Amino acid sequence: LTLYYRDKDGLLIPVTRNVLKQEGLAKAAVSGLVNEPVT
């Protein structure tokens, strides 16, 4: 699944990650963009 993160220059970088299959995957993808300590 591809998520879009920021780099040091303020560019959005697409990064494909391995995500465990789960219900609500689209919702989980956006949750992965939130600024939390573990992320």
Full PDB file with SEQRES, HELIX, SHEET, SSBOND, CRYST1, ORIGX, SCALE, CONECT and MASTER records, all heavy atoms in Angstrom:
SEQRES   1 A   39  LEU THR LEU TYR TYR ARG ASP LYS ASP GLY LEU LEU ILE          
SEQRES   2 A   39  PRO VAL THR ARG ASN VAL LEU LYS GLN GLU GLY LEU ALA          
SEQRES   3 A   39  LYS ALA ALA VAL SER GLY LEU VAL ASN GLU PRO VAL THR          
HELIX    1 AA1 LEU A   25  SER A   31  1                                   7    
SHEET    1 AA1 2 THR A   2  ARG A   6  0                                        
SHEET    2 AA1 2 LEU A  12  THR A  16 -1                                        
CRYST1    1.000    1.000    1.000  90.00  90.00  90.00 P 1           1          
ORIGX1      1.000000  0.000000  0.000000        0.00000                         
ORIGX2      0.000000  1.000000  0.000000        0.00000                         
ORIGX3      0.000000  0.000000  1.000000        0.00000                         
SCALE1      1.000000  0.000000  0.000000        0.00000                         
SCALE2      0.000000  1.000000  0.000000        0.00000                         
SCALE3      0.000000  0.000000  1.000000        0.00000                         
ATOM      1  N   LEU A   1       0.842  -1.189   0.000  1.00  0.00           N  
ATOM      2  CA  LEU A   1       0.000   0.000   0.000  1.00  0.00           C  
ATOM      3  C   LEU A   1       0.881   1.244   0.000  1.00  0.00           C  
ATOM      4  O   LEU A   1       1.850   1.326   0.757  1.00  0.00           O  
ATOM      5  CB  LEU A   1      -0.897  -0.018   1.239  1.00  0.00           C  
ATOM      6  CG  LEU A   1      -1.841   1.150   1.458  1.00  0.00           C  
ATOM      7  CD1 LEU A   1      -2.843   1.218   0.310  1.00  0.00           C  
ATOM      8  CD2 LEU A   1      -2.568   0.993   2.780  1.00  0.00           C  
ATOM      9  N   THR A   2       0.556   2.226  -0.838  1.00  0.00           N  
ATOM     10  CA  THR A   2       1.387   3.415  -0.990  1.00  0.00           C  
ATOM     11  C   THR A   2       0.836   4.581  -0.187  1.00  0.00           C  
ATOM     12  O   THR A   2      -0.331   4.956  -0.339  1.00  0.00           O  
ATOM     13  CB  THR A   2       1.505   3.809  -2.468  1.00  0.00           C  
ATOM     14  OG1 THR A   2       2.032   2.689  -3.208  1.00  0.00           O  
ATOM     15  CG2 THR A   2       2.426   4.995  -2.653  1.00  0.00           C  
ATOM     16  N   LEU A   3       1.702   5.142   0.671  1.00  0.00           N  
ATOM     17  CA  LEU A   3       1.384   6.321   1.470  1.00  0.00           C  
ATOM     18  C   LEU A   3       2.309   7.457   1.063  1.00  0.00           C  
ATOM     19  O   LEU A   3       3.429   7.221   0.607  1.00  0.00           O  
ATOM     20  CB  LEU A   3       1.543   6.037   2.967  1.00  0.00           C  
ATOM     21  CG  LEU A   3       0.455   5.198   3.653  1.00  0.00           C  
ATOM     22  CD1 LEU A   3       0.533   3.739   3.245  1.00  0.00           C  
ATOM     23  CD2 LEU A   3       0.581   5.315   5.175  1.00  0.00           C  
ATOM     24  N   TYR A   4       1.858   8.690   1.275  1.00  0.00           N  
ATOM     25  CA  TYR A   4       2.629   9.863   0.873  1.00  0.00           C  
ATOM     26  C   TYR A   4       3.118  10.616   2.105  1.00  0.00           C  
ATOM     27  O   TYR A   4       2.335  11.197   2.850  1.00  0.00           O  
ATOM     28  CB  TYR A   4       1.781  10.772  -0.021  1.00  0.00           C  
ATOM     29  CG  TYR A   4       1.620  10.223  -1.421  1.00  0.00           C  
ATOM     30  CD1 TYR A   4       0.775   9.138  -1.666  1.00  0.00           C  
ATOM     31  CD2 TYR A   4       2.325  10.758  -2.496  1.00  0.00           C  
ATOM     32  CE1 TYR A   4       0.650   8.613  -2.949  1.00  0.00           C  
ATOM     33  CE2 TYR A   4       2.199  10.251  -3.774  1.00  0.00           C  
ATOM     34  CZ  TYR A   4       1.357   9.175  -3.994  1.00  0.00           C  
ATOM     35  OH  TYR A   4       1.228   8.648  -5.264  1.00  0.00           O  
ATOM     36  N   TYR A   5       4.455  10.602   2.307  1.00  0.00           N  
ATOM     37  CA  TYR A   5       5.087  11.259   3.439  1.00  0.00           C  
ATOM     38  C   TYR A   5       5.868  12.480   2.963  1.00  0.00           C  
ATOM     39  O   TYR A   5       6.163  12.637   1.781  1.00  0.00           O  
ATOM     40  CB  TYR A   5       6.056  10.304   4.140  1.00  0.00           C  
ATOM     41  CG  TYR A   5       5.428   9.065   4.718  1.00  0.00           C  
ATOM     42  CD1 TYR A   5       5.731   7.805   4.214  1.00  0.00           C  
ATOM     43  CD2 TYR A   5       4.532   9.148   5.782  1.00  0.00           C  
ATOM     44  CE1 TYR A   5       5.168   6.662   4.761  1.00  0.00           C  
ATOM     45  CE2 TYR A   5       3.969   8.014   6.334  1.00  0.00           C  
ATOM     46  CZ  TYR A   5       4.290   6.761   5.811  1.00  0.00           C  
ATOM     47  OH  TYR A   5       3.734   5.631   6.353  1.00  0.00           O  
ATOM     48  N   ARG A   6       6.258  13.316   3.918  1.00  0.00           N  
ATOM     49  CA  ARG A   6       7.029  14.529   3.628  1.00  0.00           C  
ATOM     50  C   ARG A   6       8.515  14.278   3.846  1.00  0.00           C  
ATOM     51  O   ARG A   6       8.906  13.539   4.743  1.00  0.00           O  
ATOM     52  CB  ARG A   6       6.542  15.653   4.545  1.00  0.00           C  
ATOM     53  CG  ARG A   6       7.270  16.975   4.372  1.00  0.00           C  
ATOM     54  CD  ARG A   6       6.700  18.035   5.312  1.00  0.00           C  
ATOM     55  NE  ARG A   6       6.924  17.683   6.703  1.00  0.00           N  
ATOM     56  CZ  ARG A   6       8.029  17.961   7.386  1.00  0.00           C  
ATOM     57  NH1 ARG A   6       9.049  18.569   6.777  1.00  0.00           N  
ATOM     58  NH2 ARG A   6       8.143  17.624   8.649  1.00  0.00           N  
ATOM     59  N   ASP A   7       9.356  14.921   3.011  1.00  0.00           N  
ATOM     60  CA  ASP A   7      10.796  14.844   3.265  1.00  0.00           C  
ATOM     61  C   ASP A   7      11.288  16.170   3.845  1.00  0.00           C  
ATOM     62  O   ASP A   7      10.494  17.084   4.124  1.00  0.00           O  
ATOM     63  CB  ASP A   7      11.561  14.450   1.994  1.00  0.00           C  
ATOM     64  CG  ASP A   7      11.683  15.588   0.987  1.00  0.00           C  
ATOM     65  OD1 ASP A   7      11.068  16.662   1.197  1.00  0.00           O  
ATOM     66  OD2 ASP A   7      12.381  15.415  -0.021  1.00  0.00           O  
ATOM     67  N   LYS A   8      12.601  16.303   4.026  1.00  0.00           N  
ATOM     68  CA  LYS A   8      13.173  17.485   4.670  1.00  0.00           C  
ATOM     69  C   LYS A   8      12.945  18.758   3.869  1.00  0.00           C  
ATOM     70  O   LYS A   8      12.969  19.872   4.421  1.00  0.00           O  
ATOM     71  CB  LYS A   8      14.677  17.267   4.879  1.00  0.00           C  
ATOM     72  CG  LYS A   8      15.491  17.191   3.602  1.00  0.00           C  
ATOM     73  CD  LYS A   8      16.957  16.909   3.877  1.00  0.00           C  
ATOM     74  CE  LYS A   8      17.818  16.997   2.609  1.00  0.00           C  
ATOM     75  NZ  LYS A   8      17.325  16.115   1.537  1.00  0.00           N  
ATOM     76  N   ASP A   9      12.750  18.639   2.564  1.00  0.00           N  
ATOM     77  CA  ASP A   9      12.546  19.799   1.702  1.00  0.00           C  
ATOM     78  C   ASP A   9      11.083  20.125   1.468  1.00  0.00           C  
ATOM     79  O   ASP A   9      10.760  21.012   0.669  1.00  0.00           O  
ATOM     80  CB  ASP A   9      13.233  19.567   0.351  1.00  0.00           C  
ATOM     81  CG  ASP A   9      14.749  19.484   0.473  1.00  0.00           C  
ATOM     82  OD1 ASP A   9      15.314  20.260   1.271  1.00  0.00           O  
ATOM     83  OD2 ASP A   9      15.352  18.631  -0.201  1.00  0.00           O  
ATOM     84  N   GLY A  10      10.198  19.404   2.145  1.00  0.00           N  
ATOM     85  CA  GLY A  10       8.774  19.659   1.971  1.00  0.00           C  
ATOM     86  C   GLY A  10       8.183  19.023   0.731  1.00  0.00           C  
ATOM     87  O   GLY A  10       7.097  19.422   0.278  1.00  0.00           O  
ATOM     88  N   LEU A  11       8.874  18.025   0.161  1.00  0.00           N  
ATOM     89  CA  LEU A  11       8.324  17.273  -0.959  1.00  0.00           C  
ATOM     90  C   LEU A  11       7.535  16.082  -0.435  1.00  0.00           C  
ATOM     91  O   LEU A  11       7.914  15.469   0.566  1.00  0.00           O  
ATOM     92  CB  LEU A  11       9.438  16.769  -1.872  1.00  0.00           C  
ATOM     93  CG  LEU A  11      10.258  17.817  -2.624  1.00  0.00           C  
ATOM     94  CD1 LEU A  11      11.415  17.154  -3.354  1.00  0.00           C  
ATOM     95  CD2 LEU A  11       9.388  18.601  -3.601  1.00  0.00           C  
ATOM     96  N   LEU A  12       6.449  15.752  -1.094  1.00  0.00           N  
ATOM     97  CA  LEU A  12       5.700  14.549  -0.755  1.00  0.00           C  
ATOM     98  C   LEU A  12       6.279  13.369  -1.524  1.00  0.00           C  
ATOM     99  O   LEU A  12       6.371  13.390  -2.752  1.00  0.00           O  
ATOM    100  CB  LEU A  12       4.217  14.719  -1.089  1.00  0.00           C  
ATOM    101  CG  LEU A  12       3.415  15.603  -0.131  1.00  0.00           C  
ATOM    102  CD1 LEU A  12       1.988  15.754  -0.621  1.00  0.00           C  
ATOM    103  CD2 LEU A  12       3.433  15.046   1.290  1.00  0.00           C  
ATOM    104  N   ILE A  13       6.658  12.333  -0.787  1.00  0.00           N  
ATOM    105  CA  ILE A  13       7.308  11.158  -1.357  1.00  0.00           C  
ATOM    106  C   ILE A  13       6.383   9.950  -1.224  1.00  0.00           C  
ATOM    107  O   ILE A  13       5.989   9.595  -0.116  1.00  0.00           O  
ATOM    108  CB  ILE A  13       8.637  10.853  -0.629  1.00  0.00           C  
ATOM    109  CG1 ILE A  13       9.526  12.100  -0.545  1.00  0.00           C  
ATOM    110  CG2 ILE A  13       9.352   9.693  -1.301  1.00  0.00           C  
ATOM    111  CD1 ILE A  13      10.015  12.607  -1.860  1.00  0.00           C  
ATOM    112  N   PRO A  14       6.021   9.300  -2.330  1.00  0.00           N  
ATOM    113  CA  PRO A  14       5.225   8.075  -2.225  1.00  0.00           C  
ATOM    114  C   PRO A  14       6.098   6.916  -1.754  1.00  0.00           C  
ATOM    115  O   PRO A  14       7.192   6.698  -2.287  1.00  0.00           O  
ATOM    116  CB  PRO A  14       4.729   7.843  -3.659  1.00  0.00           C  
ATOM    117  CG  PRO A  14       5.756   8.503  -4.521  1.00  0.00           C  
ATOM    118  CD  PRO A  14       6.313   9.658  -3.733  1.00  0.00           C  
ATOM    119  N   VAL A  15       5.636   6.203  -0.760  1.00  0.00           N  
ATOM    120  CA  VAL A  15       6.381   5.063  -0.216  1.00  0.00           C  
ATOM    121  C   VAL A  15       5.433   3.880  -0.095  1.00  0.00           C  
ATOM    122  O   VAL A  15       4.413   3.965   0.595  1.00  0.00           O  
ATOM    123  CB  VAL A  15       6.994   5.383   1.161  1.00  0.00           C  
ATOM    124  CG1 VAL A  15       7.703   4.159   1.723  1.00  0.00           C  
ATOM    125  CG2 VAL A  15       7.962   6.558   1.059  1.00  0.00           C  
ATOM    126  N   THR A  16       5.747   2.789  -0.765  1.00  0.00           N  
ATOM    127  CA  THR A  16       4.924   1.585  -0.674  1.00  0.00           C  
ATOM    128  C   THR A  16       5.371   0.762   0.526  1.00  0.00           C  
ATOM    129  O   THR A  16       6.548   0.440   0.658  1.00  0.00           O  
ATOM    130  CB  THR A  16       5.021   0.746  -1.958  1.00  0.00           C  
ATOM    131  OG1 THR A  16       4.558   1.533  -3.061  1.00  0.00           O  
ATOM    132  CG2 THR A  16       4.147  -0.503  -1.850  1.00  0.00           C  
ATOM    133  N   ARG A  17       4.410   0.412   1.386  1.00  0.00           N  
ATOM    134  CA  ARG A  17       4.703  -0.314   2.612  1.00  0.00           C  
ATOM    135  C   ARG A  17       3.914  -1.617   2.663  1.00  0.00           C  
ATOM    136  O   ARG A  17       2.870  -1.759   2.022  1.00  0.00           O  
ATOM    137  CB  ARG A  17       4.361   0.537   3.831  1.00  0.00           C  
ATOM    138  CG  ARG A  17       5.056   1.897   3.844  1.00  0.00           C  
ATOM    139  CD  ARG A  17       4.988   2.549   5.186  1.00  0.00           C  
ATOM    140  NE  ARG A  17       5.610   1.716   6.212  1.00  0.00           N  
ATOM    141  CZ  ARG A  17       5.663   2.061   7.492  1.00  0.00           C  
ATOM    142  NH1 ARG A  17       5.133   3.194   7.901  1.00  0.00           N  
ATOM    143  NH2 ARG A  17       6.240   1.257   8.374  1.00  0.00           N  
ATOM    144  N   ASN A  18       4.443  -2.557   3.424  1.00  0.00           N  
ATOM    145  CA  ASN A  18       3.711  -3.791   3.687  1.00  0.00           C  
ATOM    146  C   ASN A  18       2.720  -3.532   4.813  1.00  0.00           C  
ATOM    147  O   ASN A  18       3.100  -3.085   5.892  1.00  0.00           O  
ATOM    148  CB  ASN A  18       4.665  -4.903   4.121  1.00  0.00           C  
ATOM    149  CG  ASN A  18       5.483  -5.436   2.961  1.00  0.00           C  
ATOM    150  OD1 ASN A  18       5.058  -5.365   1.821  1.00  0.00           O  
ATOM    151  ND2 ASN A  18       6.647  -5.962   3.252  1.00  0.00           N  
ATOM    152  N   VAL A  19       1.460  -3.812   4.572  1.00  0.00           N  
ATOM    153  CA  VAL A  19       0.419  -3.586   5.562  1.00  0.00           C  
ATOM    154  C   VAL A  19      -0.339  -4.893   5.764  1.00  0.00           C  
ATOM    155  O   VAL A  19      -0.734  -5.551   4.796  1.00  0.00           O  
ATOM    156  CB  VAL A  19      -0.555  -2.481   5.088  1.00  0.00           C  
ATOM    157  CG1 VAL A  19      -1.633  -2.229   6.132  1.00  0.00           C  
ATOM    158  CG2 VAL A  19       0.201  -1.203   4.787  1.00  0.00           C  
ATOM    159  N   LEU A  20      -0.522  -5.285   7.007  1.00  0.00           N  
ATOM    160  CA  LEU A  20      -1.288  -6.483   7.287  1.00  0.00           C  
ATOM    161  C   LEU A  20      -2.713  -6.324   6.791  1.00  0.00           C  
ATOM    162  O   LEU A  20      -3.330  -5.269   6.943  1.00  0.00           O  
ATOM    163  CB  LEU A  20      -1.288  -6.770   8.798  1.00  0.00           C  
ATOM    164  CG  LEU A  20       0.071  -7.105   9.418  1.00  0.00           C  
ATOM    165  CD1 LEU A  20      -0.074  -7.300  10.918  1.00  0.00           C  
ATOM    166  CD2 LEU A  20       0.671  -8.336   8.774  1.00  0.00           C  
ATOM    167  N   LYS A  21      -3.249  -7.349   6.155  1.00  0.00           N  
ATOM    168  CA  LYS A  21      -4.625  -7.303   5.680  1.00  0.00           C  
ATOM    169  C   LYS A  21      -5.565  -7.073   6.854  1.00  0.00           C  
ATOM    170  O   LYS A  21      -5.422  -7.694   7.904  1.00  0.00           O  
ATOM    171  CB  LYS A  21      -4.979  -8.602   4.952  1.00  0.00           C  
ATOM    172  CG  LYS A  21      -4.255  -8.761   3.623  1.00  0.00           C  
ATOM    173  CD  LYS A  21      -4.655 -10.051   2.926  1.00  0.00           C  
ATOM    174  CE  LYS A  21      -3.935 -10.192   1.593  1.00  0.00           C  
ATOM    175  NZ  LYS A  21      -4.291 -11.454   0.905  1.00  0.00           N  
ATOM    176  N   GLN A  22      -6.522  -6.190   6.651  1.00  0.00           N  
ATOM    177  CA  GLN A  22      -7.437  -5.818   7.718  1.00  0.00           C  
ATOM    178  C   GLN A  22      -8.654  -5.151   7.122  1.00  0.00           C  
ATOM    179  O   GLN A  22      -8.619  -4.645   6.001  1.00  0.00           O  
ATOM    180  CB  GLN A  22      -6.743  -4.862   8.696  1.00  0.00           C  
ATOM    181  CG  GLN A  22      -6.202  -3.629   8.018  1.00  0.00           C  
ATOM    182  CD  GLN A  22      -5.265  -2.826   8.881  1.00  0.00           C  
ATOM    183  OE1 GLN A  22      -5.711  -2.043   9.714  1.00  0.00           O  
ATOM    184  NE2 GLN A  22      -3.954  -3.035   8.696  1.00  0.00           N  
ATOM    185  N   GLU A  23      -9.731  -5.118   7.881  1.00  0.00           N  
ATOM    186  CA  GLU A  23     -10.904  -4.365   7.459  1.00  0.00           C  
ATOM    187  C   GLU A  23     -10.590  -2.877   7.595  1.00  0.00           C  
ATOM    188  O   GLU A  23      -9.807  -2.456   8.438  1.00  0.00           O  
ATOM    189  CB  GLU A  23     -12.114  -4.729   8.329  1.00  0.00           C  
ATOM    190  CG  GLU A  23     -12.642  -6.135   8.098  1.00  0.00           C  
ATOM    191  CD  GLU A  23     -13.107  -6.351   6.664  1.00  0.00           C  
ATOM    192  OE1 GLU A  23     -13.784  -5.455   6.130  1.00  0.00           O  
ATOM    193  OE2 GLU A  23     -12.776  -7.396   6.083  1.00  0.00           O  
ATOM    194  N   GLY A  24     -11.208  -2.068   6.758  1.00  0.00           N  
ATOM    195  CA  GLY A  24     -10.989  -0.639   6.831  1.00  0.00           C  
ATOM    196  C   GLY A  24      -9.594  -0.229   6.414  1.00  0.00           C  
ATOM    197  O   GLY A  24      -8.973   0.636   7.028  1.00  0.00           O  
ATOM    198  N   LEU A  25      -9.083  -0.813   5.342  1.00  0.00           N  
ATOM    199  CA  LEU A  25      -7.707  -0.573   4.935  1.00  0.00           C  
ATOM    200  C   LEU A  25      -7.490   0.862   4.454  1.00  0.00           C  
ATOM    201  O   LEU A  25      -6.441   1.463   4.721  1.00  0.00           O  
ATOM    202  CB  LEU A  25      -7.312  -1.558   3.840  1.00  0.00           C  
ATOM    203  CG  LEU A  25      -5.834  -1.616   3.482  1.00  0.00           C  
ATOM    204  CD1 LEU A  25      -4.985  -1.919   4.702  1.00  0.00           C  
ATOM    205  CD2 LEU A  25      -5.590  -2.656   2.405  1.00  0.00           C  
ATOM    206  N   ALA A  26      -8.447   1.428   3.756  1.00  0.00           N  
ATOM    207  CA  ALA A  26      -8.307   2.810   3.306  1.00  0.00           C  
ATOM    208  C   ALA A  26      -8.219   3.753   4.505  1.00  0.00           C  
ATOM    209  O   ALA A  26      -7.425   4.699   4.520  1.00  0.00           O  
ATOM    210  CB  ALA A  26      -9.483   3.193   2.410  1.00  0.00           C  
ATOM    211  N   LYS A  27      -9.013   3.491   5.501  1.00  0.00           N  
ATOM    212  CA  LYS A  27      -8.978   4.283   6.727  1.00  0.00           C  
ATOM    213  C   LYS A  27      -7.645   4.111   7.443  1.00  0.00           C  
ATOM    214  O   LYS A  27      -7.034   5.078   7.921  1.00  0.00           O  
ATOM    215  CB  LYS A  27     -10.128   3.861   7.634  1.00  0.00           C  
ATOM    216  CG  LYS A  27     -10.223   4.595   8.956  1.00  0.00           C  
ATOM    217  CD  LYS A  27     -11.417   4.099   9.749  1.00  0.00           C  
ATOM    218  CE  LYS A  27     -11.467   4.739  11.129  1.00  0.00           C  
ATOM    219  NZ  LYS A  27     -12.601   4.206  11.928  1.00  0.00           N  
ATOM    220  N   ALA A  28      -7.142   2.886   7.499  1.00  0.00           N  
ATOM    221  CA  ALA A  28      -5.855   2.619   8.139  1.00  0.00           C  
ATOM    222  C   ALA A  28      -4.720   3.319   7.408  1.00  0.00           C  
ATOM    223  O   ALA A  28      -3.760   3.796   8.029  1.00  0.00           O  
ATOM    224  CB  ALA A  28      -5.600   1.115   8.192  1.00  0.00           C  
ATOM    225  N   ALA A  29      -4.826   3.396   6.072  1.00  0.00           N  
ATOM    226  CA  ALA A  29      -3.772   4.056   5.294  1.00  0.00           C  
ATOM    227  C   ALA A  29      -3.655   5.523   5.684  1.00  0.00           C  
ATOM    228  O   ALA A  29      -2.548   6.032   5.912  1.00  0.00           O  
ATOM    229  CB  ALA A  29      -4.076   3.924   3.804  1.00  0.00           C  
ATOM    230  N   VAL A  30      -4.779   6.215   5.773  1.00  0.00           N  
ATOM    231  CA  VAL A  30      -4.742   7.634   6.139  1.00  0.00           C  
ATOM    232  C   VAL A  30      -4.290   7.798   7.588  1.00  0.00           C  
ATOM    233  O   VAL A  30      -3.561   8.737   7.924  1.00  0.00           O  
ATOM    234  CB  VAL A  30      -6.116   8.288   5.908  1.00  0.00           C  
ATOM    235  CG1 VAL A  30      -6.100   9.750   6.351  1.00  0.00           C  
ATOM    236  CG2 VAL A  30      -6.508   8.197   4.443  1.00  0.00           C  
ATOM    237  N   SER A  31      -4.676   6.885   8.457  1.00  0.00           N  
ATOM    238  CA  SER A  31      -4.220   6.942   9.847  1.00  0.00           C  
ATOM    239  C   SER A  31      -2.699   6.863   9.929  1.00  0.00           C  
ATOM    240  O   SER A  31      -2.078   7.420  10.833  1.00  0.00           O  
ATOM    241  CB  SER A  31      -4.843   5.804  10.660  1.00  0.00           C  
ATOM    242  OG  SER A  31      -6.247   5.940  10.743  1.00  0.00           O  
ATOM    243  N   GLY A  32      -2.093   6.167   8.975  1.00  0.00           N  
ATOM    244  CA  GLY A  32      -0.644   6.042   8.940  1.00  0.00           C  
ATOM    245  C   GLY A  32       0.075   7.322   8.578  1.00  0.00           C  
ATOM    246  O   GLY A  32       1.309   7.386   8.635  1.00  0.00           O  
ATOM    247  N   LEU A  33      -0.668   8.362   8.215  1.00  0.00           N  
ATOM    248  CA  LEU A  33      -0.077   9.660   7.880  1.00  0.00           C  
ATOM    249  C   LEU A  33      -0.011  10.595   9.082  1.00  0.00           C  
ATOM    250  O   LEU A  33       0.577  11.675   8.996  1.00  0.00           O  
ATOM    251  CB  LEU A  33      -0.900  10.339   6.773  1.00  0.00           C  
ATOM    252  CG  LEU A  33      -1.111   9.552   5.478  1.00  0.00           C  
ATOM    253  CD1 LEU A  33      -2.066  10.310   4.558  1.00  0.00           C  
ATOM    254  CD2 LEU A  33       0.212   9.282   4.780  1.00  0.00           C  
ATOM    255  N   VAL A  34      -0.601  10.188  10.214  1.00  0.00           N  
ATOM    256  CA  VAL A  34      -0.713  11.055  11.384  1.00  0.00           C  
ATOM    257  C   VAL A  34       0.617  11.123  12.137  1.00  0.00           C  
ATOM    258  O   VAL A  34       1.325  10.121  12.293  1.00  0.00           O  
ATOM    259  CB  VAL A  34      -1.840  10.564  12.318  1.00  0.00           C  
ATOM    260  CG1 VAL A  34      -1.907  11.421  13.579  1.00  0.00           C  
ATOM    261  CG2 VAL A  34      -3.173  10.583  11.580  1.00  0.00           C  
ATOM    262  N   ASN A  35       0.941  12.303  12.609  1.00  0.00           N  
ATOM    263  CA  ASN A  35       2.187  12.548  13.338  1.00  0.00           C  
ATOM    264  C   ASN A  35       2.085  11.987  14.756  1.00  0.00           C  
ATOM    265  O   ASN A  35       1.705  12.686  15.696  1.00  0.00           O  
ATOM    266  CB  ASN A  35       2.474  14.050  13.379  1.00  0.00           C  
ATOM    267  CG  ASN A  35       3.788  14.376  14.060  1.00  0.00           C  
ATOM    268  OD1 ASN A  35       4.602  13.489  14.325  1.00  0.00           O  
ATOM    269  ND2 ASN A  35       4.004  15.645  14.341  1.00  0.00           N  
ATOM    270  N   GLU A  36       2.437  10.729  14.904  1.00  0.00           N  
ATOM    271  CA  GLU A  36       2.473  10.063  16.203  1.00  0.00           C  
ATOM    272  C   GLU A  36       3.892   9.565  16.464  1.00  0.00           C  
ATOM    273  O   GLU A  36       4.652   9.310  15.522  1.00  0.00           O  
ATOM    274  CB  GLU A  36       1.480   8.901  16.241  1.00  0.00           C  
ATOM    275  CG  GLU A  36       0.029   9.293  16.023  1.00  0.00           C  
ATOM    276  CD  GLU A  36      -0.544  10.156  17.142  1.00  0.00           C  
ATOM    277  OE1 GLU A  36       0.150  10.356  18.164  1.00  0.00           O  
ATOM    278  OE2 GLU A  36      -1.682  10.643  16.992  1.00  0.00           O  
ATOM    279  N   PRO A  37       4.275   9.412  17.746  1.00  0.00           N  
ATOM    280  CA  PRO A  37       5.668   9.031  18.061  1.00  0.00           C  
ATOM    281  C   PRO A  37       6.147   7.781  17.346  1.00  0.00           C  
ATOM    282  O   PRO A  37       7.269   7.743  16.829  1.00  0.00           O  
ATOM    283  CB  PRO A  37       5.623   8.833  19.582  1.00  0.00           C  
ATOM    284  CG  PRO A  37       4.535   9.744  20.048  1.00  0.00           C  
ATOM    285  CD  PRO A  37       3.500   9.711  18.963  1.00  0.00           C  
ATOM    286  N   VAL A  38       5.317   6.739  17.301  1.00  0.00           N  
ATOM    287  CA  VAL A  38       5.778   5.494  16.681  1.00  0.00           C  
ATOM    288  C   VAL A  38       5.971   5.662  15.183  1.00  0.00           C  
ATOM    289  O   VAL A  38       6.899   5.094  14.589  1.00  0.00           O  
ATOM    290  CB  VAL A  38       4.788   4.347  16.982  1.00  0.00           C  
ATOM    291  CG1 VAL A  38       3.453   4.568  16.297  1.00  0.00           C  
ATOM    292  CG2 VAL A  38       5.384   3.008  16.572  1.00  0.00           C  
ATOM    293  N   THR A  39       5.125   6.480  14.543  1.00  0.00           N  
ATOM    294  CA  THR A  39       5.273   6.721  13.107  1.00  0.00           C  
ATOM    295  C   THR A  39       6.523   7.544  12.832  1.00  0.00           C  
ATOM    296  O   THR A  39       7.268   7.265  11.884  1.00  0.00           O  
ATOM    297  CB  THR A  39       4.030   7.441  12.555  1.00  0.00           C  
ATOM    298  OG1 THR A  39       2.852   6.702  12.916  1.00  0.00           O  
ATOM    299  CG2 THR A  39       4.097   7.543  11.034  1.00  0.00           C  
TER     300      THR A  39                                                      
MASTER        0    0    0    1    2    0    0    6  299    1    0    3          
END                                                                             
